[in-house]
Amino acid sequence: SCKVFFAKDPLKIVRGQGQYMFDDKGEKYLDCINNVAHVGHSHPYVIKAATKQMELLNTNSRFLHDNLVQYAQRLTATLPEKLSVCYFVNSGSEANDLALRLARQYHGHQDVITLE
């Protein structure tokens, strides 16, 4: 049930820089699928911020921390008043699962339509 993207000639990606990924042969590929459109691979600001944070604490959002509250406040301040609740999750899969559970709870329906 799981497919490799390039089954006939698989890519072995070994590093990323900016908007590009590089394979083990040095070929450069424009990365359009790995959620890097915001800052790219190996962005110096992100590396510095991540390193600073990991030196202090490296965990996820299951524990209380002031930064989560501050971020939620900054985020919701940019949104309409009706959008005033934040749910922090670990991945897109968790976000989709939570969205389905919230929709089912709100509407009371179990049906889902998906497109392939």
C-alpha atoms as a PDB file:
ATOM      1  CA  SER A   1       0.000   0.000   0.000  1.00  0.00           C
ATOM      2  CA  CYS A   2       3.025   2.287   0.021  1.00  0.00           C
ATOM      3  CA  LYS A   3       4.761   3.273  -3.208  1.00  0.00           C
ATOM      4  CA  VAL A   4       8.243   4.642  -3.763  1.00  0.00           C
ATOM      5  CA  PHE A   5       7.974   7.775  -5.924  1.00  0.00           C
ATOM      6  CA  PHE A   6      10.641   6.655  -8.404  1.00  0.00           C
ATOM      7  CA  ALA A   7      10.405   2.866  -8.391  1.00  0.00           C
ATOM      8  CA  LYS A   8      12.272   2.340 -11.717  1.00  0.00           C
ATOM      9  CA  ASP A   9      15.134   4.713 -10.983  1.00  0.00           C
ATOM     10  CA  PRO A  10      14.964   5.681  -7.287  1.00  0.00           C
ATOM     11  CA  LEU A  11      16.602   8.872  -6.100  1.00  0.00           C
ATOM     12  CA  LYS A  12      18.958   8.728  -3.151  1.00  0.00           C
ATOM     13  CA  ILE A  13      18.775  12.252  -1.768  1.00  0.00           C
ATOM     14  CA  VAL A  14      21.695  13.018   0.559  1.00  0.00           C
ATOM     15  CA  ARG A  15      21.393  16.754   1.309  1.00  0.00           C
ATOM     16  CA  GLY A  16      19.396  19.913   0.716  1.00  0.00           C
ATOM     17  CA  GLN A  17      20.318  23.564   0.289  1.00  0.00           C
ATOM     18  CA  GLY A  18      17.780  26.340  -0.227  1.00  0.00           C
ATOM     19  CA  GLN A  19      15.084  25.130  -2.584  1.00  0.00           C
ATOM     20  CA  TYR A  20      17.196  22.275  -3.944  1.00  0.00           C
ATOM     21  CA  MET A  21      17.924  18.671  -3.018  1.00  0.00           C
ATOM     22  CA  PHE A  22      21.028  16.802  -4.152  1.00  0.00           C
ATOM     23  CA  ASP A  23      21.396  13.105  -4.818  1.00  0.00           C
ATOM     24  CA  ASP A  24      24.378  10.863  -4.147  1.00  0.00           C
ATOM     25  CA  LYS A  25      25.703  11.609  -7.650  1.00  0.00           C
ATOM     26  CA  GLY A  26      25.632  15.393  -7.136  1.00  0.00           C
ATOM     27  CA  GLU A  27      22.561  16.009  -9.336  1.00  0.00           C
ATOM     28  CA  LYS A  28      20.458  19.000  -8.259  1.00  0.00           C
ATOM     29  CA  TYR A  29      16.631  18.787  -8.051  1.00  0.00           C
ATOM     30  CA  LEU A  30      14.128  21.554  -7.359  1.00  0.00           C
ATOM     31  CA  ASP A  31      12.241  20.482  -4.228  1.00  0.00           C
ATOM     32  CA  CYS A  32       8.523  21.044  -4.772  1.00  0.00           C
ATOM     33  CA  ILE A  33       7.150  18.457  -2.322  1.00  0.00           C
ATOM     34  CA  ASN A  34       9.001  18.483   1.013  1.00  0.00           C
ATOM     35  CA  ASN A  35       7.405  21.447   2.804  1.00  0.00           C
ATOM     36  CA  VAL A  36      10.415  23.698   2.239  1.00  0.00           C
ATOM     37  CA  ALA A  37       8.647  26.496   0.398  1.00  0.00           C
ATOM     38  CA  HIS A  38       8.727  28.660   3.533  1.00  0.00           C
ATOM     39  CA  VAL A  39      12.466  28.842   4.208  1.00  0.00           C
ATOM     40  CA  GLY A  40      14.207  26.123   2.196  1.00  0.00           C
ATOM     41  CA  HIS A  41      16.706  23.501   3.283  1.00  0.00           C
ATOM     42  CA  SER A  42      19.624  24.444   5.546  1.00  0.00           C
ATOM     43  CA  HIS A  43      18.460  28.037   6.093  1.00  0.00           C
ATOM     44  CA  PRO A  44      21.035  29.658   8.444  1.00  0.00           C
ATOM     45  CA  TYR A  45      18.400  31.480  10.536  1.00  0.00           C
ATOM     46  CA  VAL A  46      16.387  28.277  11.061  1.00  0.00           C
ATOM     47  CA  ILE A  47      19.519  26.281  11.912  1.00  0.00           C
ATOM     48  CA  LYS A  48      20.587  28.911  14.446  1.00  0.00           C
ATOM     49  CA  ALA A  49      17.123  29.106  16.042  1.00  0.00           C
ATOM     50  CA  ALA A  50      16.743  25.308  16.121  1.00  0.00           C
ATOM     51  CA  THR A  51      20.190  24.839  17.634  1.00  0.00           C
ATOM     52  CA  LYS A  52      19.487  27.464  20.297  1.00  0.00           C
ATOM     53  CA  GLN A  53      16.176  25.793  21.167  1.00  0.00           C
ATOM     54  CA  MET A  54      17.639  22.269  21.235  1.00  0.00           C
ATOM     55  CA  GLU A  55      20.374  23.454  23.606  1.00  0.00           C
ATOM     56  CA  LEU A  56      17.607  24.507  25.996  1.00  0.00           C
ATOM     57  CA  LEU A  57      14.861  21.898  25.445  1.00  0.00           C
ATOM     58  CA  ASN A  58      14.063  19.376  22.727  1.00  0.00           C
ATOM     59  CA  THR A  59      10.528  18.046  23.115  1.00  0.00           C
ATOM     60  CA  ASN A  60       7.149  18.311  21.438  1.00  0.00           C
ATOM     61  CA  SER A  61       3.906  20.089  22.285  1.00  0.00           C
ATOM     62  CA  ARG A  62       2.508  17.493  24.713  1.00  0.00           C
ATOM     63  CA  PHE A  63       3.928  19.447  27.658  1.00  0.00           C
ATOM     64  CA  LEU A  64       2.913  22.914  28.827  1.00  0.00           C
ATOM     65  CA  HIS A  65       5.271  25.713  27.892  1.00  0.00           C
ATOM     66  CA  ASP A  66       4.854  29.496  27.765  1.00  0.00           C
ATOM     67  CA  ASN A  67       6.063  29.626  24.161  1.00  0.00           C
ATOM     68  CA  LEU A  68       3.040  27.597  23.006  1.00  0.00           C
ATOM     69  CA  VAL A  69       0.664  30.081  24.603  1.00  0.00           C
ATOM     70  CA  GLN A  70       2.590  33.078  23.259  1.00  0.00           C
ATOM     71  CA  TYR A  71       2.653  31.616  19.767  1.00  0.00           C
ATOM     72  CA  ALA A  72      -1.082  30.851  19.875  1.00  0.00           C
ATOM     73  CA  GLN A  73      -1.785  34.422  20.980  1.00  0.00           C
ATOM     74  CA  ARG A  74       0.365  35.900  18.195  1.00  0.00           C
ATOM     75  CA  LEU A  75      -1.223  33.596  15.624  1.00  0.00           C
ATOM     76  CA  THR A  76      -4.844  34.182  16.625  1.00  0.00           C
ATOM     77  CA  ALA A  77      -4.245  37.956  16.738  1.00  0.00           C
ATOM     78  CA  THR A  78      -3.838  37.786  12.943  1.00  0.00           C
ATOM     79  CA  LEU A  79      -7.085  35.866  12.385  1.00  0.00           C
ATOM     80  CA  PRO A  80     -10.813  36.681  12.548  1.00  0.00           C
ATOM     81  CA  GLU A  81     -12.282  36.438  16.062  1.00  0.00           C
ATOM     82  CA  LYS A  82     -14.122  33.184  15.272  1.00  0.00           C
ATOM     83  CA  LEU A  83     -10.743  31.514  14.674  1.00  0.00           C
ATOM     84  CA  SER A  84      -9.497  31.791  18.225  1.00  0.00           C
ATOM     85  CA  VAL A  85      -8.524  28.219  19.146  1.00  0.00           C
ATOM     86  CA  CYS A  86      -5.221  26.551  18.269  1.00  0.00           C
ATOM     87  CA  TYR A  87      -4.488  22.854  18.176  1.00  0.00           C
ATOM     88  CA  PHE A  88      -0.798  22.061  17.955  1.00  0.00           C
ATOM     89  CA  VAL A  89      -0.023  18.702  16.395  1.00  0.00           C
ATOM     90  CA  ASN A  90       3.081  16.837  15.338  1.00  0.00           C
ATOM     91  CA  SER A  91       2.396  16.239  11.643  1.00  0.00           C
ATOM     92  CA  GLY A  92       0.052  16.666   8.716  1.00  0.00           C
ATOM     93  CA  SER A  93      -1.349  13.215   9.445  1.00  0.00           C
ATOM     94  CA  GLU A  94      -2.210  14.217  13.004  1.00  0.00           C
ATOM     95  CA  ALA A  95      -3.751  17.451  11.708  1.00  0.00           C
ATOM     96  CA  ASN A  96      -5.939  15.542   9.243  1.00  0.00           C
ATOM     97  CA  ASP A  97      -6.985  13.055  11.918  1.00  0.00           C
ATOM     98  CA  LEU A  98      -7.896  15.853  14.314  1.00  0.00           C
ATOM     99  CA  ALA A  99      -9.830  17.725  11.606  1.00  0.00           C
ATOM    100  CA  LEU A 100     -11.880  14.596  10.846  1.00  0.00           C
ATOM    101  CA  ARG A 101     -12.598  13.964  14.523  1.00  0.00           C
ATOM    102  CA  LEU A 102     -13.666  17.597  15.075  1.00  0.00           C
ATOM    103  CA  ALA A 103     -15.902  17.562  12.000  1.00  0.00           C
ATOM    104  CA  ARG A 104     -17.514  14.270  13.055  1.00  0.00           C
ATOM    105  CA  GLN A 105     -18.109  15.585  16.576  1.00  0.00           C
ATOM    106  CA  TYR A 106     -19.605  18.831  15.292  1.00  0.00           C
ATOM    107  CA  HIS A 107     -21.830  17.390  12.566  1.00  0.00           C
ATOM    108  CA  GLY A 108     -22.489  13.928  13.995  1.00  0.00           C
ATOM    109  CA  HIS A 109     -21.756  12.298  10.617  1.00  0.00           C
ATOM    110  CA  GLN A 110     -19.176   9.600   9.911  1.00  0.00           C
ATOM    111  CA  ASP A 111     -19.031   9.889   6.102  1.00  0.00           C
ATOM    112  CA  VAL A 112     -15.901  11.127   4.349  1.00  0.00           C
ATOM    113  CA  ILE A 113     -15.325  11.901   0.671  1.00  0.00           C
ATOM    114  CA  THR A 114     -11.784  11.698  -0.671  1.00  0.00           C
ATOM    115  CA  LEU A 115     -10.318  12.401  -4.080  1.00  0.00           C
ATOM    116  CA  GLU A 116      -7.455  10.484  -5.618  1.00  0.00           C
END
